[in-house]
């Protein structure tokens, strides 16, 4: 099973520093990590990427060839990536066959996720609950924030625990009914994060 983080933010906000520190931390605790760089403006990465958009297109080349500024160049690069999404998919598939690229490229709202879950006979009896949860998440824009000092091991560890709970990593390998899962979800973020599934940092 694959778990991931999508790291976004304006220039200079610390995305590269975060990915560097997080990948080192996850590797240190025994997890397999693949960092995917989809920022064509980031040409000075301090770590090796499993997939790098610069292998497909470079912002500097786009600006020189088409006479575009940084913003126009970025828009061009993202449009080019969208038109060549097969390239990205071919790079991701060897990393983890279970990675569902379609969800990230086609989804516009959570109804897509709901339809996907409805196809699973194991979740059929929870269709109304799934629909209600999707509506709550969309209606109230449920997003949380956490503080981080990427150079502090304890701070990174605390964030990893929050992320593990948010992306479902904490439930990996746990067998039980919905009540048991609910107890874990509602409980404090205190568990052993020294497990070994694959994790992406994009």
C-alpha atoms as a PDB file:
ATOM      1  CA  UNK A   1       0.000   0.000   0.000  1.00  0.00           C
ATOM      2  CA  UNK A   2       1.231   3.477  -0.866  1.00  0.00           C
ATOM      3  CA  UNK A   3       0.937   6.578   1.303  1.00  0.00           C
ATOM      4  CA  UNK A   4       1.916  10.072   0.297  1.00  0.00           C
ATOM      5  CA  UNK A   5       2.242  13.754   1.028  1.00  0.00           C
ATOM      6  CA  UNK A   6       1.615  16.569  -1.443  1.00  0.00           C
ATOM      7  CA  UNK A   7       3.842  19.524  -0.575  1.00  0.00           C
ATOM      8  CA  UNK A   8       2.719  22.888  -1.986  1.00  0.00           C
ATOM      9  CA  UNK A   9       3.532  26.513  -1.269  1.00  0.00           C
ATOM     10  CA  UNK A  10       4.837  29.782  -2.757  1.00  0.00           C
ATOM     11  CA  UNK A  11       8.501  30.249  -3.736  1.00  0.00           C
ATOM     12  CA  UNK A  12      10.802  30.393  -0.735  1.00  0.00           C
ATOM     13  CA  UNK A  13       8.251  28.906   1.662  1.00  0.00           C
ATOM     14  CA  UNK A  14      10.465  25.909   2.464  1.00  0.00           C
ATOM     15  CA  UNK A  15       9.108  23.118   0.232  1.00  0.00           C
ATOM     16  CA  UNK A  16      12.558  21.853  -0.712  1.00  0.00           C
ATOM     17  CA  UNK A  17      13.832  22.089   2.859  1.00  0.00           C
ATOM     18  CA  UNK A  18      10.748  20.255   4.070  1.00  0.00           C
ATOM     19  CA  UNK A  19      11.040  17.446   1.501  1.00  0.00           C
ATOM     20  CA  UNK A  20      14.741  17.075   2.233  1.00  0.00           C
ATOM     21  CA  UNK A  21      14.259  16.859   5.987  1.00  0.00           C
ATOM     22  CA  UNK A  22      11.146  14.677   5.787  1.00  0.00           C
ATOM     23  CA  UNK A  23      12.726  12.187   3.380  1.00  0.00           C
ATOM     24  CA  UNK A  24      15.796  11.905   5.612  1.00  0.00           C
ATOM     25  CA  UNK A  25      13.624  11.379   8.680  1.00  0.00           C
ATOM     26  CA  UNK A  26      11.418   8.732   7.051  1.00  0.00           C
ATOM     27  CA  UNK A  27      14.473   6.917   5.717  1.00  0.00           C
ATOM     28  CA  UNK A  28      16.035   7.052   9.179  1.00  0.00           C
ATOM     29  CA  UNK A  29      13.028   5.317  10.748  1.00  0.00           C
ATOM     30  CA  UNK A  30      13.092   2.596   8.115  1.00  0.00           C
ATOM     31  CA  UNK A  31      10.523   3.643   5.528  1.00  0.00           C
ATOM     32  CA  UNK A  32      11.057   3.530   1.787  1.00  0.00           C
ATOM     33  CA  UNK A  33      10.657   7.022   0.360  1.00  0.00           C
ATOM     34  CA  UNK A  34      10.362   8.396  -3.162  1.00  0.00           C
ATOM     35  CA  UNK A  35      10.450  12.158  -3.689  1.00  0.00           C
ATOM     36  CA  UNK A  36       8.635  13.362  -6.813  1.00  0.00           C
ATOM     37  CA  UNK A  37       9.589  16.863  -8.012  1.00  0.00           C
ATOM     38  CA  UNK A  38       6.912  18.538 -10.141  1.00  0.00           C
ATOM     39  CA  UNK A  39       8.363  22.046  -9.796  1.00  0.00           C
ATOM     40  CA  UNK A  40      10.110  22.955 -13.077  1.00  0.00           C
ATOM     41  CA  UNK A  41      11.588  26.061 -11.425  1.00  0.00           C
ATOM     42  CA  UNK A  42      13.462  24.082  -8.781  1.00  0.00           C
ATOM     43  CA  UNK A  43      16.765  23.219 -10.443  1.00  0.00           C
ATOM     44  CA  UNK A  44      18.932  23.052  -7.309  1.00  0.00           C
ATOM     45  CA  UNK A  45      17.569  20.113  -5.321  1.00  0.00           C
ATOM     46  CA  UNK A  46      19.791  18.921  -2.449  1.00  0.00           C
ATOM     47  CA  UNK A  47      18.452  15.361  -2.793  1.00  0.00           C
ATOM     48  CA  UNK A  48      17.900  12.787  -5.513  1.00  0.00           C
ATOM     49  CA  UNK A  49      14.379  12.554  -6.914  1.00  0.00           C
ATOM     50  CA  UNK A  50      12.739   9.330  -8.013  1.00  0.00           C
ATOM     51  CA  UNK A  51      10.912  11.405 -10.623  1.00  0.00           C
ATOM     52  CA  UNK A  52      11.912  14.911 -11.717  1.00  0.00           C
ATOM     53  CA  UNK A  53       9.856  17.061 -14.094  1.00  0.00           C
ATOM     54  CA  UNK A  54      13.099  18.564 -15.383  1.00  0.00           C
ATOM     55  CA  UNK A  55      13.642  15.306 -17.243  1.00  0.00           C
ATOM     56  CA  UNK A  56      10.559  16.286 -19.258  1.00  0.00           C
ATOM     57  CA  UNK A  57      10.720  20.082 -19.402  1.00  0.00           C
ATOM     58  CA  UNK A  58      12.800  22.884 -17.871  1.00  0.00           C
ATOM     59  CA  UNK A  59      11.500  26.330 -16.979  1.00  0.00           C
ATOM     60  CA  UNK A  60      14.724  28.001 -18.084  1.00  0.00           C
ATOM     61  CA  UNK A  61      14.470  26.424 -21.554  1.00  0.00           C
ATOM     62  CA  UNK A  62      10.798  27.403 -21.881  1.00  0.00           C
ATOM     63  CA  UNK A  63      11.495  31.037 -20.947  1.00  0.00           C
ATOM     64  CA  UNK A  64      14.368  31.274 -23.437  1.00  0.00           C
ATOM     65  CA  UNK A  65      12.580  29.516 -26.289  1.00  0.00           C
ATOM     66  CA  UNK A  66       9.199  31.232 -25.972  1.00  0.00           C
ATOM     67  CA  UNK A  67      10.200  34.593 -24.511  1.00  0.00           C
ATOM     68  CA  UNK A  68       8.105  34.055 -21.374  1.00  0.00           C
ATOM     69  CA  UNK A  69       8.586  35.350 -17.857  1.00  0.00           C
ATOM     70  CA  UNK A  70       8.713  33.047 -14.806  1.00  0.00           C
ATOM     71  CA  UNK A  71       4.947  32.947 -14.278  1.00  0.00           C
ATOM     72  CA  UNK A  72       4.108  32.415 -17.930  1.00  0.00           C
ATOM     73  CA  UNK A  73       6.840  29.803 -18.133  1.00  0.00           C
ATOM     74  CA  UNK A  74       5.413  27.900 -15.167  1.00  0.00           C
ATOM     75  CA  UNK A  75       1.937  27.901 -16.709  1.00  0.00           C
ATOM     76  CA  UNK A  76       3.430  26.581 -19.948  1.00  0.00           C
ATOM     77  CA  UNK A  77       5.302  23.831 -18.076  1.00  0.00           C
ATOM     78  CA  UNK A  78       2.198  22.709 -16.189  1.00  0.00           C
ATOM     79  CA  UNK A  79       0.186  22.657 -19.407  1.00  0.00           C
ATOM     80  CA  UNK A  80       2.953  20.631 -21.045  1.00  0.00           C
ATOM     81  CA  UNK A  81       2.961  18.163 -18.145  1.00  0.00           C
ATOM     82  CA  UNK A  82      -0.806  17.762 -18.417  1.00  0.00           C
ATOM     83  CA  UNK A  83      -0.504  17.007 -22.133  1.00  0.00           C
ATOM     84  CA  UNK A  84       2.240  14.486 -21.365  1.00  0.00           C
ATOM     85  CA  UNK A  85       0.670  12.899 -18.306  1.00  0.00           C
ATOM     86  CA  UNK A  86       1.555   9.482 -19.736  1.00  0.00           C
ATOM     87  CA  UNK A  87       5.199  10.357 -19.084  1.00  0.00           C
ATOM     88  CA  UNK A  88       4.488  10.922 -15.395  1.00  0.00           C
ATOM     89  CA  UNK A  89       2.414   7.777 -15.134  1.00  0.00           C
ATOM     90  CA  UNK A  90       5.163   5.695 -16.722  1.00  0.00           C
ATOM     91  CA  UNK A  91       7.639   7.067 -14.161  1.00  0.00           C
ATOM     92  CA  UNK A  92       5.350   6.408 -11.188  1.00  0.00           C
ATOM     93  CA  UNK A  93       4.183   2.902 -12.074  1.00  0.00           C
ATOM     94  CA  UNK A  94       7.524   1.197 -11.380  1.00  0.00           C
ATOM     95  CA  UNK A  95       7.596   2.798  -7.918  1.00  0.00           C
ATOM     96  CA  UNK A  96       4.275   1.340  -6.843  1.00  0.00           C
ATOM     97  CA  UNK A  97       1.777  -0.446  -9.044  1.00  0.00           C
ATOM     98  CA  UNK A  98      -0.990   0.391  -6.584  1.00  0.00           C
ATOM     99  CA  UNK A  99      -0.581   4.142  -7.184  1.00  0.00           C
ATOM    100  CA  UNK A 100      -3.863   5.457  -8.629  1.00  0.00           C
ATOM    101  CA  UNK A 101      -2.735   8.359 -10.830  1.00  0.00           C
ATOM    102  CA  UNK A 102      -6.233   8.787 -12.274  1.00  0.00           C
ATOM    103  CA  UNK A 103      -7.567  10.053  -8.951  1.00  0.00           C
ATOM    104  CA  UNK A 104      -5.027  12.873  -8.794  1.00  0.00           C
ATOM    105  CA  UNK A 105      -5.335  13.889 -12.454  1.00  0.00           C
ATOM    106  CA  UNK A 106      -9.104  13.599 -13.013  1.00  0.00           C
ATOM    107  CA  UNK A 107     -10.720  14.289  -9.659  1.00  0.00           C
ATOM    108  CA  UNK A 108     -12.550  17.603  -9.393  1.00  0.00           C
ATOM    109  CA  UNK A 109     -14.502  16.901  -6.212  1.00  0.00           C
ATOM    110  CA  UNK A 110     -15.021  14.141  -3.671  1.00  0.00           C
ATOM    111  CA  UNK A 111     -17.949  12.655  -5.595  1.00  0.00           C
ATOM    112  CA  UNK A 112     -15.255  10.913  -7.669  1.00  0.00           C
ATOM    113  CA  UNK A 113     -13.938   9.245  -4.529  1.00  0.00           C
ATOM    114  CA  UNK A 114     -17.457   8.351  -3.452  1.00  0.00           C
ATOM    115  CA  UNK A 115     -18.172   6.641  -6.778  1.00  0.00           C
ATOM    116  CA  UNK A 116     -14.893   4.744  -6.519  1.00  0.00           C
ATOM    117  CA  UNK A 117     -15.737   3.501  -3.017  1.00  0.00           C
ATOM    118  CA  UNK A 118     -19.272   2.555  -4.058  1.00  0.00           C
ATOM    119  CA  UNK A 119     -17.761   0.032  -6.475  1.00  0.00           C
ATOM    120  CA  UNK A 120     -16.149  -1.822  -3.582  1.00  0.00           C
ATOM    121  CA  UNK A 121     -18.646  -4.361  -2.138  1.00  0.00           C
ATOM    122  CA  UNK A 122     -16.959  -4.069   1.259  1.00  0.00           C
ATOM    123  CA  UNK A 123     -17.958  -0.408   1.539  1.00  0.00           C
ATOM    124  CA  UNK A 124     -21.429  -0.747  -0.007  1.00  0.00           C
ATOM    125  CA  UNK A 125     -23.218  -0.604   3.331  1.00  0.00           C
ATOM    126  CA  UNK A 126     -21.466   2.672   4.167  1.00  0.00           C
ATOM    127  CA  UNK A 127     -22.596   4.536   1.019  1.00  0.00           C
ATOM    128  CA  UNK A 128     -24.804   7.019   2.867  1.00  0.00           C
ATOM    129  CA  UNK A 129     -22.083   7.643   5.449  1.00  0.00           C
ATOM    130  CA  UNK A 130     -19.458   8.113   2.721  1.00  0.00           C
ATOM    131  CA  UNK A 131     -21.707  10.576   0.887  1.00  0.00           C
ATOM    132  CA  UNK A 132     -22.348  12.527   4.088  1.00  0.00           C
ATOM    133  CA  UNK A 133     -18.633  12.658   4.964  1.00  0.00           C
ATOM    134  CA  UNK A 134     -17.718  13.862   1.474  1.00  0.00           C
ATOM    135  CA  UNK A 135     -20.316  16.622   1.756  1.00  0.00           C
ATOM    136  CA  UNK A 136     -19.051  17.689   5.186  1.00  0.00           C
ATOM    137  CA  UNK A 137     -15.426  17.806   4.007  1.00  0.00           C
ATOM    138  CA  UNK A 138     -16.351  19.856   0.937  1.00  0.00           C
ATOM    139  CA  UNK A 139     -18.871  22.135   2.671  1.00  0.00           C
ATOM    140  CA  UNK A 140     -16.594  23.023   5.584  1.00  0.00           C
ATOM    141  CA  UNK A 141     -13.191  22.856   3.830  1.00  0.00           C
ATOM    142  CA  UNK A 142     -11.763  20.642   6.557  1.00  0.00           C
ATOM    143  CA  UNK A 143      -8.070  21.459   6.606  1.00  0.00           C
ATOM    144  CA  UNK A 144      -5.731  21.501   9.584  1.00  0.00           C
ATOM    145  CA  UNK A 145      -2.337  23.095  10.138  1.00  0.00           C
ATOM    146  CA  UNK A 146       0.624  22.041  12.252  1.00  0.00           C
ATOM    147  CA  UNK A 147       3.833  23.758  13.308  1.00  0.00           C
ATOM    148  CA  UNK A 148       7.156  22.324  12.167  1.00  0.00           C
ATOM    149  CA  UNK A 149      10.846  22.790  12.763  1.00  0.00           C
ATOM    150  CA  UNK A 150      12.311  20.575  10.011  1.00  0.00           C
ATOM    151  CA  UNK A 151      15.684  20.477  11.795  1.00  0.00           C
ATOM    152  CA  UNK A 152      14.168  19.225  15.054  1.00  0.00           C
ATOM    153  CA  UNK A 153      13.670  15.436  15.176  1.00  0.00           C
ATOM    154  CA  UNK A 154      10.862  15.596  17.735  1.00  0.00           C
ATOM    155  CA  UNK A 155       8.998  18.243  15.745  1.00  0.00           C
ATOM    156  CA  UNK A 156       9.279  16.186  12.534  1.00  0.00           C
ATOM    157  CA  UNK A 157       8.214  13.059  14.399  1.00  0.00           C
ATOM    158  CA  UNK A 158       5.103  14.767  15.742  1.00  0.00           C
ATOM    159  CA  UNK A 159       4.185  15.943  12.243  1.00  0.00           C
ATOM    160  CA  UNK A 160       4.737  12.454  10.803  1.00  0.00           C
ATOM    161  CA  UNK A 161       2.262  11.101  13.341  1.00  0.00           C
ATOM    162  CA  UNK A 162      -0.326  13.676  12.270  1.00  0.00           C
ATOM    163  CA  UNK A 163       0.262  12.887   8.604  1.00  0.00           C
ATOM    164  CA  UNK A 164       0.082   9.139   9.287  1.00  0.00           C
ATOM    165  CA  UNK A 165      -3.340   9.641  10.784  1.00  0.00           C
ATOM    166  CA  UNK A 166      -4.476  11.929   7.978  1.00  0.00           C
ATOM    167  CA  UNK A 167      -3.403   9.696   5.078  1.00  0.00           C
ATOM    168  CA  UNK A 168      -4.397   6.386   6.702  1.00  0.00           C
ATOM    169  CA  UNK A 169      -0.917   5.025   7.362  1.00  0.00           C
ATOM    170  CA  UNK A 170      -1.804   4.392  11.010  1.00  0.00           C
ATOM    171  CA  UNK A 171      -4.513   1.949   9.896  1.00  0.00           C
ATOM    172  CA  UNK A 172      -2.207  -0.136   7.695  1.00  0.00           C
ATOM    173  CA  UNK A 173      -2.141  -3.759   8.789  1.00  0.00           C
ATOM    174  CA  UNK A 174      -4.808  -3.277  11.462  1.00  0.00           C
ATOM    175  CA  UNK A 175      -7.688  -5.734  11.407  1.00  0.00           C
ATOM    176  CA  UNK A 176     -10.912  -4.785  13.128  1.00  0.00           C
ATOM    177  CA  UNK A 177     -14.399  -3.421  12.783  1.00  0.00           C
ATOM    178  CA  UNK A 178     -15.506   0.156  12.229  1.00  0.00           C
ATOM    179  CA  UNK A 179     -15.707   0.786  15.972  1.00  0.00           C
ATOM    180  CA  UNK A 180     -12.043  -0.073  16.466  1.00  0.00           C
ATOM    181  CA  UNK A 181     -11.000   2.146  13.564  1.00  0.00           C
ATOM    182  CA  UNK A 182     -13.137   4.976  14.948  1.00  0.00           C
ATOM    183  CA  UNK A 183     -11.426   4.712  18.333  1.00  0.00           C
ATOM    184  CA  UNK A 184      -8.020   4.985  16.675  1.00  0.00           C
ATOM    185  CA  UNK A 185      -9.131   7.903  14.517  1.00  0.00           C
ATOM    186  CA  UNK A 186     -10.549   9.804  17.482  1.00  0.00           C
ATOM    187  CA  UNK A 187      -7.645   9.008  19.783  1.00  0.00           C
ATOM    188  CA  UNK A 188      -4.410  10.880  20.342  1.00  0.00           C
ATOM    189  CA  UNK A 189      -1.672  10.682  17.739  1.00  0.00           C
ATOM    190  CA  UNK A 190       0.564   8.304  19.665  1.00  0.00           C
ATOM    191  CA  UNK A 191       1.712   5.153  17.876  1.00  0.00           C
ATOM    192  CA  UNK A 192       4.783   3.461  16.501  1.00  0.00           C
ATOM    193  CA  UNK A 193       5.683   5.021  13.147  1.00  0.00           C
ATOM    194  CA  UNK A 194       8.525   2.569  12.564  1.00  0.00           C
ATOM    195  CA  UNK A 195       6.709   0.613   9.853  1.00  0.00           C
ATOM    196  CA  UNK A 196       7.727  -0.079   6.301  1.00  0.00           C
ATOM    197  CA  UNK A 197       5.195   0.787   3.569  1.00  0.00           C
ATOM    198  CA  UNK A 198       6.216   2.999   0.666  1.00  0.00           C
ATOM    199  CA  UNK A 199       5.775   6.755   1.015  1.00  0.00           C
ATOM    200  CA  UNK A 200       5.818   9.559  -1.562  1.00  0.00           C
ATOM    201  CA  UNK A 201       6.746  13.193  -1.086  1.00  0.00           C
ATOM    202  CA  UNK A 202       5.600  15.240  -4.049  1.00  0.00           C
END
